[in-house]
Full PDB file with SEQRES, HELIX, SHEET, SSBOND, CRYST1, ORIGX, SCALE, CONECT and MASTER records, all heavy atoms in Angstrom:
SEQRES   1 A   37  ALA VAL PHE CYS ILE SER ASP THR GLY ASN ASN THR TYR          
SEQRES   2 A   37  TYR ALA PRO SER VAL LYS GLY ARG PHE THR PHE SER ARG          
SEQRES   3 A   37  ASP SER ALA LYS ASN THR VAL TYR LEU HIS MET                  
HELIX    1 AA1 SER A   28  LYS A   30  5                                   3    
SHEET    1 AA1 2 PHE A   3  ILE A   5  0                                        
SHEET    2 AA1 2 THR A  12  TYR A  14 -1                                        
SHEET    1 AA2 2 THR A  23  ASP A  27  0                                        
SHEET    2 AA2 2 THR A  32  HIS A  36 -1                                        
CRYST1    1.000    1.000    1.000  90.00  90.00  90.00 P 1           1          
ORIGX1      1.000000  0.000000  0.000000        0.00000                         
ORIGX2      0.000000  1.000000  0.000000        0.00000                         
ORIGX3      0.000000  0.000000  1.000000        0.00000                         
SCALE1      1.000000  0.000000  0.000000        0.00000                         
SCALE2      0.000000  1.000000  0.000000        0.00000                         
SCALE3      0.000000  0.000000  1.000000        0.00000                         
ATOM      1  N   ALA A   1      -1.855 -10.926  -5.114  1.00  0.00           N  
ATOM      2  CA  ALA A   1      -1.912  -9.620  -4.481  1.00  0.00           C  
ATOM      3  C   ALA A   1      -0.852  -9.520  -3.398  1.00  0.00           C  
ATOM      4  O   ALA A   1      -0.711 -10.411  -2.554  1.00  0.00           O  
ATOM      5  CB  ALA A   1      -3.291  -9.371  -3.893  1.00  0.00           C  
ATOM      6  N   VAL A   2      -0.110  -8.422  -3.414  1.00  0.00           N  
ATOM      7  CA  VAL A   2       0.866  -8.105  -2.385  1.00  0.00           C  
ATOM      8  C   VAL A   2       0.299  -7.083  -1.404  1.00  0.00           C  
ATOM      9  O   VAL A   2       0.431  -7.230  -0.183  1.00  0.00           O  
ATOM     10  CB  VAL A   2       2.165  -7.577  -3.021  1.00  0.00           C  
ATOM     11  CG1 VAL A   2       3.152  -7.130  -1.954  1.00  0.00           C  
ATOM     12  CG2 VAL A   2       2.788  -8.641  -3.916  1.00  0.00           C  
ATOM     13  N   PHE A   3      -0.322  -6.043  -1.940  1.00  0.00           N  
ATOM     14  CA  PHE A   3      -0.952  -4.998  -1.154  1.00  0.00           C  
ATOM     15  C   PHE A   3      -2.148  -4.455  -1.914  1.00  0.00           C  
ATOM     16  O   PHE A   3      -2.088  -4.279  -3.130  1.00  0.00           O  
ATOM     17  CB  PHE A   3       0.031  -3.858  -0.864  1.00  0.00           C  
ATOM     18  CG  PHE A   3      -0.628  -2.674  -0.219  1.00  0.00           C  
ATOM     19  CD1 PHE A   3      -0.826  -2.630   1.150  1.00  0.00           C  
ATOM     20  CD2 PHE A   3      -1.080  -1.611  -0.989  1.00  0.00           C  
ATOM     21  CE1 PHE A   3      -1.459  -1.551   1.748  1.00  0.00           C  
ATOM     22  CE2 PHE A   3      -1.708  -0.525  -0.402  1.00  0.00           C  
ATOM     23  CZ  PHE A   3      -1.902  -0.499   0.972  1.00  0.00           C  
ATOM     24  N   CYS A   4      -3.240  -4.153  -1.189  1.00  0.00           N  
ATOM     25  CA  CYS A   4      -4.419  -3.538  -1.782  1.00  0.00           C  
ATOM     26  C   CYS A   4      -4.967  -2.485  -0.834  1.00  0.00           C  
ATOM     27  O   CYS A   4      -4.878  -2.634   0.391  1.00  0.00           O  
ATOM     28  CB  CYS A   4      -5.511  -4.570  -2.065  1.00  0.00           C  
ATOM     29  SG  CYS A   4      -5.003  -5.948  -3.113  1.00  0.00           S  
ATOM     30  N   ILE A   5      -5.552  -1.427  -1.413  1.00  0.00           N  
ATOM     31  CA  ILE A   5      -6.131  -0.361  -0.605  1.00  0.00           C  
ATOM     32  C   ILE A   5      -7.390   0.144  -1.287  1.00  0.00           C  
ATOM     33  O   ILE A   5      -7.464   0.219  -2.516  1.00  0.00           O  
ATOM     34  CB  ILE A   5      -5.115   0.782  -0.376  1.00  0.00           C  
ATOM     35  CG1 ILE A   5      -5.656   1.808   0.621  1.00  0.00           C  
ATOM     36  CG2 ILE A   5      -4.720   1.441  -1.688  1.00  0.00           C  
ATOM     37  CD1 ILE A   5      -4.592   2.793   1.105  1.00  0.00           C  
ATOM     38  N   SER A   6      -8.397   0.479  -0.477  1.00  0.00           N  
ATOM     39  CA  SER A   6      -9.643   0.999  -1.002  1.00  0.00           C  
ATOM     40  C   SER A   6      -9.476   2.434  -1.475  1.00  0.00           C  
ATOM     41  O   SER A   6      -8.496   3.114  -1.152  1.00  0.00           O  
ATOM     42  CB  SER A   6     -10.734   0.925   0.070  1.00  0.00           C  
ATOM     43  OG  SER A   6     -10.394   1.728   1.194  1.00  0.00           O  
ATOM     44  N   ASP A   7     -10.455   2.905  -2.245  1.00  0.00           N  
ATOM     45  CA  ASP A   7     -10.435   4.280  -2.738  1.00  0.00           C  
ATOM     46  C   ASP A   7     -10.376   5.283  -1.598  1.00  0.00           C  
ATOM     47  O   ASP A   7      -9.696   6.302  -1.689  1.00  0.00           O  
ATOM     48  CB  ASP A   7     -11.661   4.520  -3.627  1.00  0.00           C  
ATOM     49  CG  ASP A   7     -11.725   5.933  -4.153  1.00  0.00           C  
ATOM     50  OD1 ASP A   7     -10.724   6.414  -4.722  1.00  0.00           O  
ATOM     51  OD2 ASP A   7     -12.794   6.568  -4.006  1.00  0.00           O  
ATOM     52  N   THR A   8     -11.100   4.999  -0.519  1.00  0.00           N  
ATOM     53  CA  THR A   8     -11.125   5.899   0.626  1.00  0.00           C  
ATOM     54  C   THR A   8      -9.846   5.844   1.447  1.00  0.00           C  
ATOM     55  O   THR A   8      -9.565   6.769   2.212  1.00  0.00           O  
ATOM     56  CB  THR A   8     -12.305   5.574   1.548  1.00  0.00           C  
ATOM     57  OG1 THR A   8     -12.141   4.260   2.091  1.00  0.00           O  
ATOM     58  CG2 THR A   8     -13.625   5.653   0.793  1.00  0.00           C  
ATOM     59  N   GLY A   9      -9.087   4.768   1.315  1.00  0.00           N  
ATOM     60  CA  GLY A   9      -7.904   4.576   2.127  1.00  0.00           C  
ATOM     61  C   GLY A   9      -8.177   4.010   3.506  1.00  0.00           C  
ATOM     62  O   GLY A   9      -7.249   3.855   4.302  1.00  0.00           O  
ATOM     63  N   ASN A  10      -9.435   3.691   3.790  1.00  0.00           N  
ATOM     64  CA  ASN A  10      -9.804   3.212   5.116  1.00  0.00           C  
ATOM     65  C   ASN A  10      -9.552   1.725   5.317  1.00  0.00           C  
ATOM     66  O   ASN A  10      -9.524   1.262   6.464  1.00  0.00           O  
ATOM     67  CB  ASN A  10     -11.277   3.500   5.386  1.00  0.00           C  
ATOM     68  CG  ASN A  10     -11.551   4.977   5.556  1.00  0.00           C  
ATOM     69  OD1 ASN A  10     -10.659   5.741   5.930  1.00  0.00           O  
ATOM     70  ND2 ASN A  10     -12.782   5.390   5.285  1.00  0.00           N  
ATOM     71  N   ASN A  11      -9.391   0.979   4.234  1.00  0.00           N  
ATOM     72  CA  ASN A  11      -9.212  -0.466   4.320  1.00  0.00           C  
ATOM     73  C   ASN A  11      -8.021  -0.898   3.483  1.00  0.00           C  
ATOM     74  O   ASN A  11      -7.903  -0.498   2.321  1.00  0.00           O  
ATOM     75  CB  ASN A  11     -10.473  -1.194   3.861  1.00  0.00           C  
ATOM     76  CG  ASN A  11     -11.650  -0.943   4.778  1.00  0.00           C  
ATOM     77  OD1 ASN A  11     -11.714  -1.486   5.874  1.00  0.00           O  
ATOM     78  ND2 ASN A  11     -12.581  -0.110   4.333  1.00  0.00           N  
ATOM     79  N   THR A  12      -7.153  -1.715   4.078  1.00  0.00           N  
ATOM     80  CA  THR A  12      -5.940  -2.170   3.405  1.00  0.00           C  
ATOM     81  C   THR A  12      -5.736  -3.660   3.616  1.00  0.00           C  
ATOM     82  O   THR A  12      -6.274  -4.256   4.550  1.00  0.00           O  
ATOM     83  CB  THR A  12      -4.702  -1.426   3.912  1.00  0.00           C  
ATOM     84  OG1 THR A  12      -4.538  -1.661   5.315  1.00  0.00           O  
ATOM     85  CG2 THR A  12      -4.827   0.069   3.662  1.00  0.00           C  
ATOM     86  N   TYR A  13      -4.921  -4.232   2.738  1.00  0.00           N  
ATOM     87  CA  TYR A  13      -4.566  -5.645   2.809  1.00  0.00           C  
ATOM     88  C   TYR A  13      -3.084  -5.793   2.489  1.00  0.00           C  
ATOM     89  O   TYR A  13      -2.596  -5.232   1.508  1.00  0.00           O  
ATOM     90  CB  TYR A  13      -5.382  -6.460   1.802  1.00  0.00           C  
ATOM     91  CG  TYR A  13      -4.858  -7.854   1.550  1.00  0.00           C  
ATOM     92  CD1 TYR A  13      -5.228  -8.914   2.372  1.00  0.00           C  
ATOM     93  CD2 TYR A  13      -3.987  -8.109   0.492  1.00  0.00           C  
ATOM     94  CE1 TYR A  13      -4.745 -10.189   2.150  1.00  0.00           C  
ATOM     95  CE2 TYR A  13      -3.501  -9.377   0.269  1.00  0.00           C  
ATOM     96  CZ  TYR A  13      -3.878 -10.419   1.093  1.00  0.00           C  
ATOM     97  OH  TYR A  13      -3.395 -11.684   0.865  1.00  0.00           O  
ATOM     98  N   TYR A  14      -2.367  -6.529   3.328  1.00  0.00           N  
ATOM     99  CA  TYR A  14      -1.010  -6.971   3.042  1.00  0.00           C  
ATOM    100  C   TYR A  14      -1.004  -8.492   2.989  1.00  0.00           C  
ATOM    101  O   TYR A  14      -1.572  -9.147   3.866  1.00  0.00           O  
ATOM    102  CB  TYR A  14      -0.028  -6.522   4.121  1.00  0.00           C  
ATOM    103  CG  TYR A  14       0.363  -5.065   4.082  1.00  0.00           C  
ATOM    104  CD1 TYR A  14      -0.297  -4.123   4.860  1.00  0.00           C  
ATOM    105  CD2 TYR A  14       1.419  -4.632   3.283  1.00  0.00           C  
ATOM    106  CE1 TYR A  14       0.070  -2.792   4.839  1.00  0.00           C  
ATOM    107  CE2 TYR A  14       1.799  -3.300   3.259  1.00  0.00           C  
ATOM    108  CZ  TYR A  14       1.122  -2.381   4.036  1.00  0.00           C  
ATOM    109  OH  TYR A  14       1.502  -1.053   4.018  1.00  0.00           O  
ATOM    110  N   ALA A  15      -0.363  -9.054   1.984  1.00  0.00           N  
ATOM    111  CA  ALA A  15      -0.203 -10.496   1.938  1.00  0.00           C  
ATOM    112  C   ALA A  15       0.571 -10.962   3.164  1.00  0.00           C  
ATOM    113  O   ALA A  15       1.530 -10.309   3.591  1.00  0.00           O  
ATOM    114  CB  ALA A  15       0.531 -10.909   0.662  1.00  0.00           C  
ATOM    115  N   PRO A  16       0.163 -12.089   3.765  1.00  0.00           N  
ATOM    116  CA  PRO A  16       0.881 -12.568   4.955  1.00  0.00           C  
ATOM    117  C   PRO A  16       2.382 -12.729   4.733  1.00  0.00           C  
ATOM    118  O   PRO A  16       3.167 -12.508   5.665  1.00  0.00           O  
ATOM    119  CB  PRO A  16       0.210 -13.920   5.237  1.00  0.00           C  
ATOM    120  CG  PRO A  16      -1.174 -13.771   4.693  1.00  0.00           C  
ATOM    121  CD  PRO A  16      -1.008 -12.925   3.462  1.00  0.00           C  
ATOM    122  N   SER A  17       2.800 -13.083   3.533  1.00  0.00           N  
ATOM    123  CA  SER A  17       4.209 -13.310   3.256  1.00  0.00           C  
ATOM    124  C   SER A  17       5.039 -12.029   3.260  1.00  0.00           C  
ATOM    125  O   SER A  17       6.272 -12.100   3.359  1.00  0.00           O  
ATOM    126  CB  SER A  17       4.379 -14.026   1.913  1.00  0.00           C  
ATOM    127  OG  SER A  17       3.837 -13.253   0.857  1.00  0.00           O  
ATOM    128  N   VAL A  18       4.397 -10.854   3.152  1.00  0.00           N  
ATOM    129  CA  VAL A  18       5.133  -9.592   3.110  1.00  0.00           C  
ATOM    130  C   VAL A  18       4.802  -8.663   4.269  1.00  0.00           C  
ATOM    131  O   VAL A  18       5.487  -7.642   4.451  1.00  0.00           O  
ATOM    132  CB  VAL A  18       4.909  -8.844   1.781  1.00  0.00           C  
ATOM    133  CG1 VAL A  18       5.181  -9.753   0.592  1.00  0.00           C  
ATOM    134  CG2 VAL A  18       3.497  -8.271   1.702  1.00  0.00           C  
ATOM    135  N   LYS A  19       3.792  -8.986   5.035  1.00  0.00           N  
ATOM    136  CA  LYS A  19       3.380  -8.121   6.139  1.00  0.00           C  
ATOM    137  C   LYS A  19       4.539  -7.918   7.110  1.00  0.00           C  
ATOM    138  O   LYS A  19       5.201  -8.863   7.520  1.00  0.00           O  
ATOM    139  CB  LYS A  19       2.180  -8.728   6.865  1.00  0.00           C  
ATOM    140  CG  LYS A  19       1.515  -7.795   7.852  1.00  0.00           C  
ATOM    141  CD  LYS A  19       0.268  -8.430   8.434  1.00  0.00           C  
ATOM    142  CE  LYS A  19      -0.448  -7.515   9.406  1.00  0.00           C  
ATOM    143  NZ  LYS A  19      -0.978  -6.312   8.709  1.00  0.00           N  
ATOM    144  N   GLY A  20       4.770  -6.665   7.463  1.00  0.00           N  
ATOM    145  CA  GLY A  20       5.885  -6.314   8.328  1.00  0.00           C  
ATOM    146  C   GLY A  20       7.158  -5.991   7.586  1.00  0.00           C  
ATOM    147  O   GLY A  20       8.091  -5.436   8.191  1.00  0.00           O  
ATOM    148  N   ARG A  21       7.247  -6.322   6.304  1.00  0.00           N  
ATOM    149  CA  ARG A  21       8.427  -6.042   5.489  1.00  0.00           C  
ATOM    150  C   ARG A  21       8.153  -5.004   4.398  1.00  0.00           C  
ATOM    151  O   ARG A  21       9.047  -4.240   4.043  1.00  0.00           O  
ATOM    152  CB  ARG A  21       8.954  -7.323   4.841  1.00  0.00           C  
ATOM    153  CG  ARG A  21       9.364  -8.396   5.834  1.00  0.00           C  
ATOM    154  CD  ARG A  21      10.074  -9.559   5.139  1.00  0.00           C  
ATOM    155  NE  ARG A  21       9.196 -10.253   4.207  1.00  0.00           N  
ATOM    156  CZ  ARG A  21       9.415 -10.344   2.889  1.00  0.00           C  
ATOM    157  NH1 ARG A  21      10.495  -9.787   2.351  1.00  0.00           N  
ATOM    158  NH2 ARG A  21       8.571 -11.008   2.120  1.00  0.00           N  
ATOM    159  N   PHE A  22       6.931  -5.000   3.854  1.00  0.00           N  
ATOM    160  CA  PHE A  22       6.558  -4.070   2.789  1.00  0.00           C  
ATOM    161  C   PHE A  22       5.635  -2.996   3.353  1.00  0.00           C  
ATOM    162  O   PHE A  22       4.799  -3.271   4.224  1.00  0.00           O  
ATOM    163  CB  PHE A  22       5.826  -4.795   1.658  1.00  0.00           C  
ATOM    164  CG  PHE A  22       6.673  -5.735   0.838  1.00  0.00           C  
ATOM    165  CD1 PHE A  22       7.955  -6.098   1.228  1.00  0.00           C  
ATOM    166  CD2 PHE A  22       6.171  -6.265  -0.339  1.00  0.00           C  
ATOM    167  CE1 PHE A  22       8.726  -6.962   0.470  1.00  0.00           C  
ATOM    168  CE2 PHE A  22       6.928  -7.130  -1.107  1.00  0.00           C  
ATOM    169  CZ  PHE A  22       8.204  -7.485  -0.702  1.00  0.00           C  
ATOM    170  N   THR A  23       5.763  -1.778   2.828  1.00  0.00           N  
ATOM    171  CA  THR A  23       4.947  -0.660   3.275  1.00  0.00           C  
ATOM    172  C   THR A  23       4.483   0.162   2.076  1.00  0.00           C  
ATOM    173  O   THR A  23       5.274   0.453   1.175  1.00  0.00           O  
ATOM    174  CB  THR A  23       5.719   0.256   4.243  1.00  0.00           C  
ATOM    175  OG1 THR A  23       6.184  -0.506   5.360  1.00  0.00           O  
ATOM    176  CG2 THR A  23       4.819   1.383   4.753  1.00  0.00           C  
ATOM    177  N   PHE A  24       3.218   0.549   2.085  1.00  0.00           N  
ATOM    178  CA  PHE A  24       2.633   1.362   1.025  1.00  0.00           C  
ATOM    179  C   PHE A  24       2.616   2.834   1.426  1.00  0.00           C  
ATOM    180  O   PHE A  24       2.403   3.156   2.599  1.00  0.00           O  
ATOM    181  CB  PHE A  24       1.200   0.890   0.753  1.00  0.00           C  
ATOM    182  CG  PHE A  24       0.429   1.754  -0.207  1.00  0.00           C  
ATOM    183  CD1 PHE A  24       0.519   1.553  -1.570  1.00  0.00           C  
ATOM    184  CD2 PHE A  24      -0.402   2.766   0.260  1.00  0.00           C  
ATOM    185  CE1 PHE A  24      -0.198   2.336  -2.460  1.00  0.00           C  
ATOM    186  CE2 PHE A  24      -1.132   3.554  -0.623  1.00  0.00           C  
ATOM    187  CZ  PHE A  24      -1.020   3.333  -1.985  1.00  0.00           C  
ATOM    188  N   SER A  25       2.819   3.722   0.461  1.00  0.00           N  
ATOM    189  CA  SER A  25       2.633   5.145   0.685  1.00  0.00           C  
ATOM    190  C   SER A  25       2.159   5.799  -0.605  1.00  0.00           C  
ATOM    191  O   SER A  25       2.202   5.189  -1.678  1.00  0.00           O  
ATOM    192  CB  SER A  25       3.909   5.816   1.196  1.00  0.00           C  
ATOM    193  OG  SER A  25       4.916   5.849   0.197  1.00  0.00           O  
ATOM    194  N   ARG A  26       1.710   7.048  -0.496  1.00  0.00           N  
ATOM    195  CA  ARG A  26       1.263   7.775  -1.680  1.00  0.00           C  
ATOM    196  C   ARG A  26       1.577   9.254  -1.546  1.00  0.00           C  
ATOM    197  O   ARG A  26       1.659   9.799  -0.435  1.00  0.00           O  
ATOM    198  CB  ARG A  26      -0.240   7.565  -1.910  1.00  0.00           C  
ATOM    199  CG  ARG A  26      -1.151   8.261  -0.901  1.00  0.00           C  
ATOM    200  CD  ARG A  26      -2.562   7.693  -0.944  1.00  0.00           C  
ATOM    201  NE  ARG A  26      -3.100   7.622  -2.284  1.00  0.00           N  
ATOM    202  CZ  ARG A  26      -4.081   6.807  -2.664  1.00  0.00           C  
ATOM    203  NH1 ARG A  26      -4.611   5.966  -1.789  1.00  0.00           N  
ATOM    204  NH2 ARG A  26      -4.515   6.812  -3.917  1.00  0.00           N  
ATOM    205  N   ASP A  27       1.758   9.894  -2.682  1.00  0.00           N  
ATOM    206  CA  ASP A  27       1.932  11.335  -2.764  1.00  0.00           C  
ATOM    207  C   ASP A  27       0.878  11.831  -3.742  1.00  0.00           C  
ATOM    208  O   ASP A  27       1.072  11.790  -4.956  1.00  0.00           O  
ATOM    209  CB  ASP A  27       3.338  11.689  -3.231  1.00  0.00           C  
ATOM    210  CG  ASP A  27       3.617  13.179  -3.181  1.00  0.00           C  
ATOM    211  OD1 ASP A  27       2.668  13.980  -3.214  1.00  0.00           O  
ATOM    212  OD2 ASP A  27       4.810  13.553  -3.107  1.00  0.00           O  
ATOM    213  N   SER A  28      -0.249  12.275  -3.208  1.00  0.00           N  
ATOM    214  CA  SER A  28      -1.368  12.662  -4.063  1.00  0.00           C  
ATOM    215  C   SER A  28      -1.027  13.841  -4.963  1.00  0.00           C  
ATOM    216  O   SER A  28      -1.509  13.922  -6.095  1.00  0.00           O  
ATOM    217  CB  SER A  28      -2.585  12.991  -3.200  1.00  0.00           C  
ATOM    218  OG  SER A  28      -3.060  11.841  -2.533  1.00  0.00           O  
ATOM    219  N   ALA A  29      -0.194  14.765  -4.473  1.00  0.00           N  
ATOM    220  CA  ALA A  29       0.191  15.918  -5.276  1.00  0.00           C  
ATOM    221  C   ALA A  29       0.950  15.498  -6.531  1.00  0.00           C  
ATOM    222  O   ALA A  29       0.876  16.170  -7.559  1.00  0.00           O  
ATOM    223  CB  ALA A  29       1.030  16.883  -4.450  1.00  0.00           C  
ATOM    224  N   LYS A  30       1.704  14.396  -6.450  1.00  0.00           N  
ATOM    225  CA  LYS A  30       2.444  13.869  -7.595  1.00  0.00           C  
ATOM    226  C   LYS A  30       1.694  12.763  -8.318  1.00  0.00           C  
ATOM    227  O   LYS A  30       2.204  12.223  -9.303  1.00  0.00           O  
ATOM    228  CB  LYS A  30       3.803  13.348  -7.148  1.00  0.00           C  
ATOM    229  CG  LYS A  30       4.724  14.411  -6.570  1.00  0.00           C  
ATOM    230  CD  LYS A  30       6.058  13.817  -6.165  1.00  0.00           C  
ATOM    231  CE  LYS A  30       6.991  14.886  -5.633  1.00  0.00           C  
ATOM    232  NZ  LYS A  30       8.297  14.324  -5.220  1.00  0.00           N  
ATOM    233  N   ASN A  31       0.492  12.413  -7.830  1.00  0.00           N  
ATOM    234  CA  ASN A  31      -0.311  11.331  -8.402  1.00  0.00           C  
ATOM    235  C   ASN A  31       0.510  10.044  -8.503  1.00  0.00           C  
ATOM    236  O   ASN A  31       0.490   9.348  -9.525  1.00  0.00           O  
ATOM    237  CB  ASN A  31      -0.860  11.719  -9.781  1.00  0.00           C  
ATOM    238  CG  ASN A  31      -2.189  11.048 -10.079  1.00  0.00           C  
ATOM    239  OD1 ASN A  31      -2.968  10.748  -9.177  1.00  0.00           O  
ATOM    240  ND2 ASN A  31      -2.451  10.803 -11.364  1.00  0.00           N  
ATOM    241  N   THR A  32       1.210   9.720  -7.420  1.00  0.00           N  
ATOM    242  CA  THR A  32       2.140   8.598  -7.385  1.00  0.00           C  
ATOM    243  C   THR A  32       1.905   7.753  -6.142  1.00  0.00           C  
ATOM    244  O   THR A  32       1.665   8.299  -5.061  1.00  0.00           O  
ATOM    245  CB  THR A  32       3.593   9.092  -7.404  1.00  0.00           C  
ATOM    246  OG1 THR A  32       3.818   9.872  -8.585  1.00  0.00           O  
ATOM    247  CG2 THR A  32       4.571   7.926  -7.387  1.00  0.00           C  
ATOM    248  N   VAL A  33       1.986   6.434  -6.304  1.00  0.00           N  
ATOM    249  CA  VAL A  33       1.953   5.516  -5.177  1.00  0.00           C  
ATOM    250  C   VAL A  33       3.251   4.727  -5.152  1.00  0.00           C  
ATOM    251  O   VAL A  33       3.915   4.546  -6.180  1.00  0.00           O  
ATOM    252  CB  VAL A  33       0.734   4.571  -5.220  1.00  0.00           C  
ATOM    253  CG1 VAL A  33      -0.563   5.365  -5.152  1.00  0.00           C  
ATOM    254  CG2 VAL A  33       0.758   3.701  -6.474  1.00  0.00           C  
ATOM    255  N   TYR A  34       3.623   4.243  -3.959  1.00  0.00           N  
ATOM    256  CA  TYR A  34       4.906   3.594  -3.750  1.00  0.00           C  
ATOM    257  C   TYR A  34       4.718   2.291  -2.993  1.00  0.00           C  
ATOM    258  O   TYR A  34       3.795   2.140  -2.186  1.00  0.00           O  
ATOM    259  CB  TYR A  34       5.849   4.484  -2.939  1.00  0.00           C  
ATOM    260  CG  TYR A  34       6.061   5.857  -3.513  1.00  0.00           C  
ATOM    261  CD1 TYR A  34       5.233   6.917  -3.145  1.00  0.00           C  
ATOM    262  CD2 TYR A  34       7.088   6.105  -4.418  1.00  0.00           C  
ATOM    263  CE1 TYR A  34       5.421   8.184  -3.667  1.00  0.00           C  
ATOM    264  CE2 TYR A  34       7.285   7.364  -4.941  1.00  0.00           C  
ATOM    265  CZ  TYR A  34       6.455   8.402  -4.563  1.00  0.00           C  
ATOM    266  OH  TYR A  34       6.655   9.655  -5.085  1.00  0.00           O  
ATOM    267  N   LEU A  35       5.615   1.358  -3.229  1.00  0.00           N  
ATOM    268  CA  LEU A  35       5.722   0.151  -2.430  1.00  0.00           C  
ATOM    269  C   LEU A  35       7.156   0.048  -1.934  1.00  0.00           C  
ATOM    270  O   LEU A  35       8.076  -0.167  -2.730  1.00  0.00           O  
ATOM    271  CB  LEU A  35       5.341  -1.096  -3.237  1.00  0.00           C  
ATOM    272  CG  LEU A  35       5.275  -2.390  -2.431  1.00  0.00           C  
ATOM    273  CD1 LEU A  35       4.093  -2.354  -1.459  1.00  0.00           C  
ATOM    274  CD2 LEU A  35       5.168  -3.603  -3.347  1.00  0.00           C  
ATOM    275  N   HIS A  36       7.330   0.225  -0.633  1.00  0.00           N  
ATOM    276  CA  HIS A  36       8.645   0.151  -0.001  1.00  0.00           C  
ATOM    277  C   HIS A  36       8.868  -1.289   0.456  1.00  0.00           C  
ATOM    278  O   HIS A  36       8.100  -1.805   1.266  1.00  0.00           O  
ATOM    279  CB  HIS A  36       8.730   1.103   1.185  1.00  0.00           C  
ATOM    280  CG  HIS A  36       8.304   2.503   0.859  1.00  0.00           C  
ATOM    281  ND1 HIS A  36       9.165   3.421   0.306  1.00  0.00           N  
ATOM    282  CD2 HIS A  36       7.106   3.127   0.998  1.00  0.00           C  
ATOM    283  CE1 HIS A  36       8.519   4.565   0.122  1.00  0.00           C  
ATOM    284  NE2 HIS A  36       7.274   4.411   0.526  1.00  0.00           N  
ATOM    285  N   MET A  37       9.917  -1.922  -0.032  1.00  0.00           N  
ATOM    286  CA  MET A  37      10.189  -3.327   0.236  1.00  0.00           C  
ATOM    287  C   MET A  37      11.496  -3.443   1.008  1.00  0.00           C  
ATOM    288  O   MET A  37      12.554  -3.042   0.517  1.00  0.00           O  
ATOM    289  CB  MET A  37      10.263  -4.116  -1.070  1.00  0.00           C  
ATOM    290  CG  MET A  37       9.025  -3.946  -1.951  1.00  0.00           C  
ATOM    291  SD  MET A  37       9.071  -4.988  -3.440  1.00  0.00           S  
ATOM    292  CE  MET A  37      10.488  -4.282  -4.273  1.00  0.00           C  
TER     293      MET A  37                                                      
MASTER        0    0    0    1    4    0    0    6  292    1    0    3          
END                                                                             
């Protein structure tokens, strides 16, 4: 696992090896999620 997020979006996890370097985002209108590295 690199990143995980709950259905509600209230709880997230970043792997220690990527924390601070990778960022998650989403565009619900486009039904798309992103991982910025």
